[in-house]
All heavy atoms as atom14 arrays in JSON, in Angstrom:
{
  "sequence": "IGDRLKDFLMKHPVGRDLLADAQYDESDVHWRKNLAYYSTTF",
  "atom14_mask": [
    [1, 1, 1, 1, 1, 1, 1, 1, 0, 0, 0, 0, 0, 0],
    [1, 1, 1, 1, 0, 0, 0, 0, 0, 0, 0, 0, 0, 0],
    [1, 1, 1, 1, 1, 1, 1, 1, 0, 0, 0, 0, 0, 0],
    [1, 1, 1, 1, 1, 1, 1, 1, 1, 1, 1, 0, 0, 0],
    [1, 1, 1, 1, 1, 1, 1, 1, 0, 0, 0, 0, 0, 0],
    [1, 1, 1, 1, 1, 1, 1, 1, 1, 0, 0, 0, 0, 0],
    [1, 1, 1, 1, 1, 1, 1, 1, 0, 0, 0, 0, 0, 0],
    [1, 1, 1, 1, 1, 1, 1, 1, 1, 1, 1, 0, 0, 0],
    [1, 1, 1, 1, 1, 1, 1, 1, 0, 0, 0, 0, 0, 0],
    [1, 1, 1, 1, 1, 1, 1, 1, 0, 0, 0, 0, 0, 0],
    [1, 1, 1, 1, 1, 1, 1, 1, 1, 0, 0, 0, 0, 0],
    [1, 1, 1, 1, 1, 1, 1, 1, 1, 1, 0, 0, 0, 0],
    [1, 1, 1, 1, 1, 1, 1, 0, 0, 0, 0, 0, 0, 0],
    [1, 1, 1, 1, 1, 1, 1, 0, 0, 0, 0, 0, 0, 0],
    [1, 1, 1, 1, 0, 0, 0, 0, 0, 0, 0, 0, 0, 0],
    [1, 1, 1, 1, 1, 1, 1, 1, 1, 1, 1, 0, 0, 0],
    [1, 1, 1, 1, 1, 1, 1, 1, 0, 0, 0, 0, 0, 0],
    [1, 1, 1, 1, 1, 1, 1, 1, 0, 0, 0, 0, 0, 0],
    [1, 1, 1, 1, 1, 1, 1, 1, 0, 0, 0, 0, 0, 0],
    [1, 1, 1, 1, 1, 0, 0, 0, 0, 0, 0, 0, 0, 0],
    [1, 1, 1, 1, 1, 1, 1, 1, 0, 0, 0, 0, 0, 0],
    [1, 1, 1, 1, 1, 0, 0, 0, 0, 0, 0, 0, 0, 0],
    [1, 1, 1, 1, 1, 1, 1, 1, 1, 0, 0, 0, 0, 0],
    [1, 1, 1, 1, 1, 1, 1, 1, 1, 1, 1, 1, 0, 0],
    [1, 1, 1, 1, 1, 1, 1, 1, 0, 0, 0, 0, 0, 0],
    [1, 1, 1, 1, 1, 1, 1, 1, 1, 0, 0, 0, 0, 0],
    [1, 1, 1, 1, 1, 1, 0, 0, 0, 0, 0, 0, 0, 0],
    [1, 1, 1, 1, 1, 1, 1, 1, 0, 0, 0, 0, 0, 0],
    [1, 1, 1, 1, 1, 1, 1, 0, 0, 0, 0, 0, 0, 0],
    [1, 1, 1, 1, 1, 1, 1, 1, 1, 1, 0, 0, 0, 0],
    [1, 1, 1, 1, 1, 1, 1, 1, 1, 1, 1, 1, 1, 1],
    [1, 1, 1, 1, 1, 1, 1, 1, 1, 1, 1, 0, 0, 0],
    [1, 1, 1, 1, 1, 1, 1, 1, 1, 0, 0, 0, 0, 0],
    [1, 1, 1, 1, 1, 1, 1, 1, 0, 0, 0, 0, 0, 0],
    [1, 1, 1, 1, 1, 1, 1, 1, 0, 0, 0, 0, 0, 0],
    [1, 1, 1, 1, 1, 0, 0, 0, 0, 0, 0, 0, 0, 0],
    [1, 1, 1, 1, 1, 1, 1, 1, 1, 1, 1, 1, 0, 0],
    [1, 1, 1, 1, 1, 1, 1, 1, 1, 1, 1, 1, 0, 0],
    [1, 1, 1, 1, 1, 1, 0, 0, 0, 0, 0, 0, 0, 0],
    [1, 1, 1, 1, 1, 1, 1, 0, 0, 0, 0, 0, 0, 0],
    [1, 1, 1, 1, 1, 1, 1, 0, 0, 0, 0, 0, 0, 0],
    [1, 1, 1, 1, 1, 1, 1, 1, 1, 1, 1, 0, 0, 0]
  ],
  "atom14_positions": [
    [[-95.78, -20.6, -3.64], [-96.77, -19.73, -4.32], [-96.81, -18.36, -3.71], [-96.88, -17.37, -4.38], [-98.14, -20.46, -4.27], [-98.15, -21.69, -5.11], [-99.22, -19.44, -4.77], [-99.46, -22.51, -5.0], [0.0, 0.0, 0.0], [0.0, 0.0, 0.0], [0.0, 0.0, 0.0], [0.0, 0.0, 0.0], [0.0, 0.0, 0.0], [0.0, 0.0, 0.0]],
    [[-96.81, -18.29, -2.36], [-96.84, -17.01, -1.72], [-95.64, -16.15, -2.03], [-95.78, -14.93, -2.23], [0.0, 0.0, 0.0], [0.0, 0.0, 0.0], [0.0, 0.0, 0.0], [0.0, 0.0, 0.0], [0.0, 0.0, 0.0], [0.0, 0.0, 0.0], [0.0, 0.0, 0.0], [0.0, 0.0, 0.0], [0.0, 0.0, 0.0], [0.0, 0.0, 0.0]],
    [[-94.46, -16.72, -2.11], [-93.29, -15.95, -2.47], [-93.35, -15.49, -3.9], [-92.94, -14.4, -4.25], [-92.01, -16.81, -2.25], [-91.74, -17.15, -0.81], [-92.27, -16.4, 0.07], [-90.98, -18.1, -0.57], [0.0, 0.0, 0.0], [0.0, 0.0, 0.0], [0.0, 0.0, 0.0], [0.0, 0.0, 0.0], [0.0, 0.0, 0.0], [0.0, 0.0, 0.0]],
    [[-93.83, -16.36, -4.77], [-93.96, -15.96, -6.18], [-94.98, -14.8, -6.31], [-94.77, -13.84, -7.11], [-94.45, -17.16, -7.0], [-93.38, -18.14, -7.34], [-93.87, -19.28, -8.26], [-94.39, -20.36, -7.5], [-95.13, -21.32, -8.0], [-95.54, -21.26, -9.25], [-95.57, -22.33, -7.25], [0.0, 0.0, 0.0], [0.0, 0.0, 0.0], [0.0, 0.0, 0.0]],
    [[-96.07, -14.9, -5.51], [-97.06, -13.82, -5.56], [-96.44, -12.5, -5.14], [-96.66, -11.44, -5.76], [-98.27, -14.22, -4.65], [-99.32, -13.2, -4.42], [-100.01, -12.8, -5.73], [-100.4, -13.74, -3.45], [0.0, 0.0, 0.0], [0.0, 0.0, 0.0], [0.0, 0.0, 0.0], [0.0, 0.0, 0.0], [0.0, 0.0, 0.0], [0.0, 0.0, 0.0]],
    [[-95.71, -12.52, -4.0], [-95.09, -11.26, -3.54], [-94.03, -10.76, -4.51], [-94.03, -9.5, -4.81], [-94.45, -11.5, -2.17], [-93.92, -10.18, -1.53], [-93.51, -10.36, -0.13], [-93.04, -9.05, 0.49], [-92.67, -9.15, 1.94], [0.0, 0.0, 0.0], [0.0, 0.0, 0.0], [0.0, 0.0, 0.0], [0.0, 0.0, 0.0], [0.0, 0.0, 0.0]],
    [[-93.22, -11.6, -5.03], [-92.14, -11.22, -5.97], [-92.78, -10.58, -7.18], [-92.28, -9.57, -7.74], [-91.29, -12.39, -6.38], [-90.42, -12.9, -5.25], [-90.28, -12.14, -4.24], [-89.86, -13.98, -5.32], [0.0, 0.0, 0.0], [0.0, 0.0, 0.0], [0.0, 0.0, 0.0], [0.0, 0.0, 0.0], [0.0, 0.0, 0.0], [0.0, 0.0, 0.0]],
    [[-93.89, -11.19, -7.69], [-94.55, -10.67, -8.86], [-95.05, -9.23, -8.58], [-94.85, -8.34, -9.46], [-95.69, -11.61, -9.23], [-96.42, -11.23, -10.53], [-96.0, -11.79, -11.74], [-97.5, -10.37, -10.51], [-96.65, -11.47, -12.92], [-98.14, -10.06, -11.7], [-97.74, -10.59, -12.91], [0.0, 0.0, 0.0], [0.0, 0.0, 0.0], [0.0, 0.0, 0.0]],
    [[-95.77, -9.02, -7.48], [-96.35, -7.73, -7.17], [-95.25, -6.72, -6.84], [-95.49, -5.48, -7.11], [-97.3, -7.85, -6.01], [-98.63, -8.58, -6.35], [-99.45, -8.91, -5.06], [-99.46, -7.72, -7.31], [0.0, 0.0, 0.0], [0.0, 0.0, 0.0], [0.0, 0.0, 0.0], [0.0, 0.0, 0.0], [0.0, 0.0, 0.0], [0.0, 0.0, 0.0]],
    [[-94.15, -7.09, -6.31], [-93.1, -6.16, -5.95], [-92.39, -5.6, -7.18], [-91.7, -4.59, -7.07], [-92.04, -6.86, -5.04], [-92.55, -7.11, -3.62], [-92.63, -5.68, -2.57], [-90.92, -5.4, -2.26], [0.0, 0.0, 0.0], [0.0, 0.0, 0.0], [0.0, 0.0, 0.0], [0.0, 0.0, 0.0], [0.0, 0.0, 0.0], [0.0, 0.0, 0.0]],
    [[-92.64, -6.17, -8.32], [-92.12, -5.53, -9.55], [-92.88, -4.35, -9.98], [-92.43, -3.59, -10.85], [-92.11, -6.61, -10.67], [-91.13, -7.77, -10.4], [-91.25, -8.87, -11.51], [-90.31, -9.99, -11.21], [-90.39, -11.09, -12.2], [0.0, 0.0, 0.0], [0.0, 0.0, 0.0], [0.0, 0.0, 0.0], [0.0, 0.0, 0.0], [0.0, 0.0, 0.0]],
    [[-94.09, -4.15, -9.47], [-94.91, -3.0, -9.78], [-94.61, -1.93, -8.73], [-94.59, -2.23, -7.52], [-96.39, -3.4, -9.7], [-97.33, -2.44, -10.37], [-97.61, -1.21, -9.78], [-98.05, -2.43, -11.45], [-98.45, -0.5, -10.52], [-98.74, -1.25, -11.62], [0.0, 0.0, 0.0], [0.0, 0.0, 0.0], [0.0, 0.0, 0.0], [0.0, 0.0, 0.0]],
    [[-94.43, -0.7, -9.07], [-94.05, 0.32, -8.1], [-95.11, 0.53, -7.04], [-94.73, 0.8, -5.84], [-93.86, 1.6, -8.92], [-94.53, 1.31, -10.26], [-94.42, -0.12, -10.48], [0.0, 0.0, 0.0], [0.0, 0.0, 0.0], [0.0, 0.0, 0.0], [0.0, 0.0, 0.0], [0.0, 0.0, 0.0], [0.0, 0.0, 0.0], [0.0, 0.0, 0.0]],
    [[-96.36, 0.36, -7.31], [-97.36, 0.45, -6.26], [-97.26, -0.73, -5.29], [-97.34, -0.58, -4.1], [-98.78, 0.56, -6.88], [-99.84, 0.53, -5.79], [-98.92, 1.79, -7.8], [0.0, 0.0, 0.0], [0.0, 0.0, 0.0], [0.0, 0.0, 0.0], [0.0, 0.0, 0.0], [0.0, 0.0, 0.0], [0.0, 0.0, 0.0], [0.0, 0.0, 0.0]],
    [[-97.03, -1.88, -5.85], [-96.86, -3.1, -5.04], [-95.66, -2.97, -4.11], [-95.7, -3.34, -2.93], [0.0, 0.0, 0.0], [0.0, 0.0, 0.0], [0.0, 0.0, 0.0], [0.0, 0.0, 0.0], [0.0, 0.0, 0.0], [0.0, 0.0, 0.0], [0.0, 0.0, 0.0], [0.0, 0.0, 0.0], [0.0, 0.0, 0.0], [0.0, 0.0, 0.0]],
    [[-94.55, -2.37, -4.65], [-93.36, -2.17, -3.81], [-93.64, -1.23, -2.64], [-93.18, -1.48, -1.53], [-92.2, -1.57, -4.65], [-91.56, -2.6, -5.55], [-90.19, -2.08, -6.01], [-90.3, -0.89, -6.79], [-90.52, -0.8, -8.1], [-90.65, -1.99, -8.8], [-90.55, 0.33, -8.73], [0.0, 0.0, 0.0], [0.0, 0.0, 0.0], [0.0, 0.0, 0.0]],
    [[-94.37, -0.18, -2.86], [-94.71, 0.79, -1.79], [-95.57, 0.16, -0.7], [-95.4, 0.51, 0.47], [-95.4, 2.01, -2.37], [-94.41, 3.16, -2.72], [-93.35, 3.23, -2.09], [-94.72, 3.87, -3.66], [0.0, 0.0, 0.0], [0.0, 0.0, 0.0], [0.0, 0.0, 0.0], [0.0, 0.0, 0.0], [0.0, 0.0, 0.0], [0.0, 0.0, 0.0]],
    [[-96.43, -0.8, -1.07], [-97.37, -1.29, -0.15], [-96.96, -2.62, 0.51], [-97.31, -2.86, 1.67], [-98.72, -1.5, -0.83], [-99.37, -0.23, -1.35], [-100.54, -0.59, -2.29], [-99.88, 0.6, -0.2], [0.0, 0.0, 0.0], [0.0, 0.0, 0.0], [0.0, 0.0, 0.0], [0.0, 0.0, 0.0], [0.0, 0.0, 0.0], [0.0, 0.0, 0.0]],
    [[-96.24, -3.46, -0.18], [-95.92, -4.81, 0.29], [-94.55, -5.0, 0.88], [-94.21, -6.13, 1.36], [-96.09, -5.8, -0.81], [-97.5, -6.3, -1.19], [-97.4, -7.41, -2.24], [-98.25, -6.8, 0.03], [0.0, 0.0, 0.0], [0.0, 0.0, 0.0], [0.0, 0.0, 0.0], [0.0, 0.0, 0.0], [0.0, 0.0, 0.0], [0.0, 0.0, 0.0]],
    [[-93.74, -3.96, 0.9], [-92.28, -4.1, 1.3], [-92.17, -4.86, 2.62], [-91.34, -5.76, 2.79], [-91.62, -2.82, 1.32], [0.0, 0.0, 0.0], [0.0, 0.0, 0.0], [0.0, 0.0, 0.0], [0.0, 0.0, 0.0], [0.0, 0.0, 0.0], [0.0, 0.0, 0.0], [0.0, 0.0, 0.0], [0.0, 0.0, 0.0], [0.0, 0.0, 0.0]],
    [[-93.0, -4.54, 3.64], [-92.93, -5.14, 5.01], [-93.99, -6.11, 5.26], [-94.18, -6.55, 6.42], [-92.87, -4.01, 6.01], [-91.73, -3.0, 5.81], [-90.63, -3.49, 5.46], [-91.99, -1.79, 5.93], [0.0, 0.0, 0.0], [0.0, 0.0, 0.0], [0.0, 0.0, 0.0], [0.0, 0.0, 0.0], [0.0, 0.0, 0.0], [0.0, 0.0, 0.0]],
    [[-94.82, -6.46, 4.26], [-95.98, -7.3, 4.5], [-95.57, -8.79, 4.48], [-94.64, -9.21, 3.81], [-97.04, -7.04, 3.41], [0.0, 0.0, 0.0], [0.0, 0.0, 0.0], [0.0, 0.0, 0.0], [0.0, 0.0, 0.0], [0.0, 0.0, 0.0], [0.0, 0.0, 0.0], [0.0, 0.0, 0.0], [0.0, 0.0, 0.0], [0.0, 0.0, 0.0]],
    [[-96.42, -9.56, 5.23], [-96.23, -11.0, 5.3], [-97.57, -11.68, 4.94], [-98.57, -11.3, 5.47], [-95.76, -11.44, 6.68], [-94.37, -10.88, 7.08], [-93.28, -11.4, 6.23], [-93.3, -12.58, 5.86], [-92.28, -10.57, 5.95], [0.0, 0.0, 0.0], [0.0, 0.0, 0.0], [0.0, 0.0, 0.0], [0.0, 0.0, 0.0], [0.0, 0.0, 0.0]],
    [[-97.5, -12.72, 4.11], [-98.63, -13.43, 3.79], [-98.89, -14.58, 4.8], [-97.94, -15.03, 5.39], [-98.61, -14.0, 2.38], [-97.5, -14.96, 2.07], [-97.62, -16.34, 2.38], [-96.35, -14.54, 1.49], [-96.61, -17.2, 2.08], [-95.22, -15.37, 1.19], [-95.4, -16.73, 1.52], [-94.43, -17.59, 1.22], [0.0, 0.0, 0.0], [0.0, 0.0, 0.0]],
    [[-100.1, -14.98, 4.95], [-100.46, -16.1, 5.8], [-100.15, -17.42, 5.11], [-100.84, -17.77, 4.13], [-101.93, -15.97, 6.2], [-102.39, -17.12, 7.18], [-101.66, -18.07, 7.36], [-103.51, -17.01, 7.65], [0.0, 0.0, 0.0], [0.0, 0.0, 0.0], [0.0, 0.0, 0.0], [0.0, 0.0, 0.0], [0.0, 0.0, 0.0], [0.0, 0.0, 0.0]],
    [[-99.14, -18.11, 5.57], [-98.71, -19.32, 4.86], [-99.77, -20.41, 4.89], [-99.74, -21.33, 4.0], [-97.37, -19.83, 5.47], [-96.27, -18.88, 5.23], [-94.93, -19.52, 5.6], [-94.81, -20.78, 5.79], [-93.92, -18.79, 5.67], [0.0, 0.0, 0.0], [0.0, 0.0, 0.0], [0.0, 0.0, 0.0], [0.0, 0.0, 0.0], [0.0, 0.0, 0.0]],
    [[-100.69, -20.36, 5.79], [-101.8, -21.35, 5.82], [-102.99, -20.98, 4.95], [-103.93, -21.71, 4.86], [-102.26, -21.57, 7.27], [-102.87, -20.37, 7.74], [0.0, 0.0, 0.0], [0.0, 0.0, 0.0], [0.0, 0.0, 0.0], [0.0, 0.0, 0.0], [0.0, 0.0, 0.0], [0.0, 0.0, 0.0], [0.0, 0.0, 0.0], [0.0, 0.0, 0.0]],
    [[-102.86, -19.84, 4.32], [-103.98, -19.31, 3.53], [-103.51, -18.78, 2.19], [-103.74, -17.63, 1.81], [-104.65, -18.18, 4.36], [-105.96, -17.66, 3.78], [-106.55, -18.33, 2.89], [-106.4, -16.6, 4.14], [0.0, 0.0, 0.0], [0.0, 0.0, 0.0], [0.0, 0.0, 0.0], [0.0, 0.0, 0.0], [0.0, 0.0, 0.0], [0.0, 0.0, 0.0]],
    [[-102.82, -19.64, 1.45], [-102.26, -19.26, 0.17], [-102.97, -20.2, -0.87], [-103.07, -21.44, -0.67], [-100.76, -19.48, 0.05], [-100.26, -19.13, -1.32], [-100.07, -18.59, 1.13], [0.0, 0.0, 0.0], [0.0, 0.0, 0.0], [0.0, 0.0, 0.0], [0.0, 0.0, 0.0], [0.0, 0.0, 0.0], [0.0, 0.0, 0.0], [0.0, 0.0, 0.0]],
    [[-103.38, -19.65, -2.02], [-104.2, -20.44, -2.94], [-103.75, -20.14, -4.38], [-103.25, -19.1, -4.75], [-105.64, -20.12, -2.81], [-106.18, -20.17, -1.4], [-106.62, -21.37, -0.85], [-106.2, -19.24, -0.41], [-107.0, -21.18, 0.4], [-106.77, -19.9, 0.72], [0.0, 0.0, 0.0], [0.0, 0.0, 0.0], [0.0, 0.0, 0.0], [0.0, 0.0, 0.0]],
    [[-104.0, -21.13, -5.24], [-103.65, -21.08, -6.67], [-104.73, -21.83, -7.45], [-105.18, -22.93, -6.99], [-102.27, -21.69, -6.88], [-102.03, -22.08, -8.33], [-102.07, -23.32, -8.9], [-101.57, -21.18, -9.38], [-101.77, -23.25, -10.24], [-101.46, -21.99, -10.55], [-101.32, -19.81, -9.44], [-101.05, -21.4, -11.81], [-100.94, -19.24, -10.62], [-100.79, -20.02, -11.78]],
    [[-105.19, -21.27, -8.55], [-106.19, -21.94, -9.37], [-105.96, -21.51, -10.8], [-105.82, -20.28, -11.15], [-107.57, -21.57, -8.92], [-108.68, -22.42, -9.58], [-110.02, -22.01, -9.09], [-110.13, -22.33, -7.63], [-111.01, -21.74, -6.82], [-111.89, -20.83, -7.28], [-111.02, -22.02, -5.51], [0.0, 0.0, 0.0], [0.0, 0.0, 0.0], [0.0, 0.0, 0.0]],
    [[-106.06, -22.49, -11.72], [-105.95, -22.25, -13.14], [-107.29, -22.37, -13.85], [-108.17, -23.0, -13.3], [-104.96, -23.23, -13.82], [-103.5, -23.02, -13.44], [-102.63, -23.98, -14.21], [-102.6, -23.68, -15.7], [-101.62, -24.55, -16.43], [0.0, 0.0, 0.0], [0.0, 0.0, 0.0], [0.0, 0.0, 0.0], [0.0, 0.0, 0.0], [0.0, 0.0, 0.0]],
    [[-107.43, -21.73, -14.99], [-108.61, -21.88, -15.82], [-109.83, -21.6, -15.0], [-110.7, -22.47, -14.76], [-108.63, -23.26, -16.45], [-107.38, -23.54, -17.22], [-106.81, -22.68, -17.89], [-106.9, -24.74, -17.21], [0.0, 0.0, 0.0], [0.0, 0.0, 0.0], [0.0, 0.0, 0.0], [0.0, 0.0, 0.0], [0.0, 0.0, 0.0], [0.0, 0.0, 0.0]],
    [[-109.98, -20.33, -14.56], [-111.01, -19.94, -13.63], [-112.42, -19.99, -14.25], [-113.39, -20.32, -13.52], [-110.76, -18.49, -13.13], [-109.43, -18.23, -12.46], [-109.34, -16.78, -12.09], [-109.24, -19.1, -11.24], [0.0, 0.0, 0.0], [0.0, 0.0, 0.0], [0.0, 0.0, 0.0], [0.0, 0.0, 0.0], [0.0, 0.0, 0.0], [0.0, 0.0, 0.0]],
    [[-112.53, -19.67, -15.49], [-113.93, -19.46, -16.07], [-114.48, -20.74, -16.54], [-113.86, -21.58, -17.25], [-113.81, -18.47, -17.26], [0.0, 0.0, 0.0], [0.0, 0.0, 0.0], [0.0, 0.0, 0.0], [0.0, 0.0, 0.0], [0.0, 0.0, 0.0], [0.0, 0.0, 0.0], [0.0, 0.0, 0.0], [0.0, 0.0, 0.0], [0.0, 0.0, 0.0]],
    [[-115.75, -20.97, -16.16], [-116.51, -22.17, -16.62], [-117.99, -21.87, -16.51], [-118.41, -20.83, -15.98], [-116.17, -23.39, -15.69], [-116.56, -23.12, -14.25], [-117.81, -23.41, -13.79], [-115.61, -22.61, -13.32], [-118.17, -23.2, -12.47], [-115.98, -22.31, -12.05], [-117.25, -22.67, -11.61], [-117.62, -22.42, -10.3], [0.0, 0.0, 0.0], [0.0, 0.0, 0.0]],
    [[-118.8, -22.8, -17.02], [-120.24, -22.63, -16.96], [-120.91, -23.97, -17.17], [-120.29, -24.89, -17.62], [-120.74, -21.62, -18.06], [-120.38, -22.08, -19.43], [-121.3, -22.84, -20.24], [-119.16, -21.8, -19.96], [-120.96, -23.27, -21.5], [-118.83, -22.24, -21.29], [-119.73, -22.97, -22.0], [-119.42, -23.38, -23.33], [0.0, 0.0, 0.0], [0.0, 0.0, 0.0]],
    [[-122.18, -24.02, -16.7], [-122.98, -25.24, -16.93], [-123.89, -24.92, -18.16], [-124.42, -23.82, -18.27], [-123.84, -25.57, -15.74], [-124.72, -26.61, -16.04], [0.0, 0.0, 0.0], [0.0, 0.0, 0.0], [0.0, 0.0, 0.0], [0.0, 0.0, 0.0], [0.0, 0.0, 0.0], [0.0, 0.0, 0.0], [0.0, 0.0, 0.0], [0.0, 0.0, 0.0]],
    [[-124.07, -25.9, -18.97], [-124.96, -25.73, -20.1], [-126.46, -25.85, -19.74], [-127.36, -25.53, -20.52], [-124.69, -26.73, -21.23], [-124.76, -28.05, -20.67], [-123.28, -26.51, -21.76], [0.0, 0.0, 0.0], [0.0, 0.0, 0.0], [0.0, 0.0, 0.0], [0.0, 0.0, 0.0], [0.0, 0.0, 0.0], [0.0, 0.0, 0.0], [0.0, 0.0, 0.0]],
    [[-126.71, -26.32, -18.5], [-128.04, -26.42, -17.97], [-128.09, -25.83, -16.55], [-127.21, -26.07, -15.77], [-128.52, -27.89, -17.97], [-128.5, -28.45, -19.2], [-129.92, -28.02, -17.33], [0.0, 0.0, 0.0], [0.0, 0.0, 0.0], [0.0, 0.0, 0.0], [0.0, 0.0, 0.0], [0.0, 0.0, 0.0], [0.0, 0.0, 0.0], [0.0, 0.0, 0.0]],
    [[-129.1, -25.04, -16.3], [-129.21, -24.31, -14.98], [-130.32, -24.86, -14.11], [-130.28, -24.68, -12.85], [-129.4, -22.82, -15.25], [-128.21, -22.15, -15.94], [-128.16, -22.07, -17.31], [-127.16, -21.64, -15.16], [-127.1, -21.48, -17.98], [-126.06, -21.06, -15.82], [-126.03, -20.97, -17.19], [0.0, 0.0, 0.0], [0.0, 0.0, 0.0], [0.0, 0.0, 0.0]]
  ]
}
């Protein structure tokens, strides 16, 4: 996931300028789908 995240951002020119030498924390990588939800009762 971390490699996919970096590769995705490196396709953007701003991402390339900023992330070229950066390293992600392999113990702190996250992925989540379908972020939006709600309760019908509060």
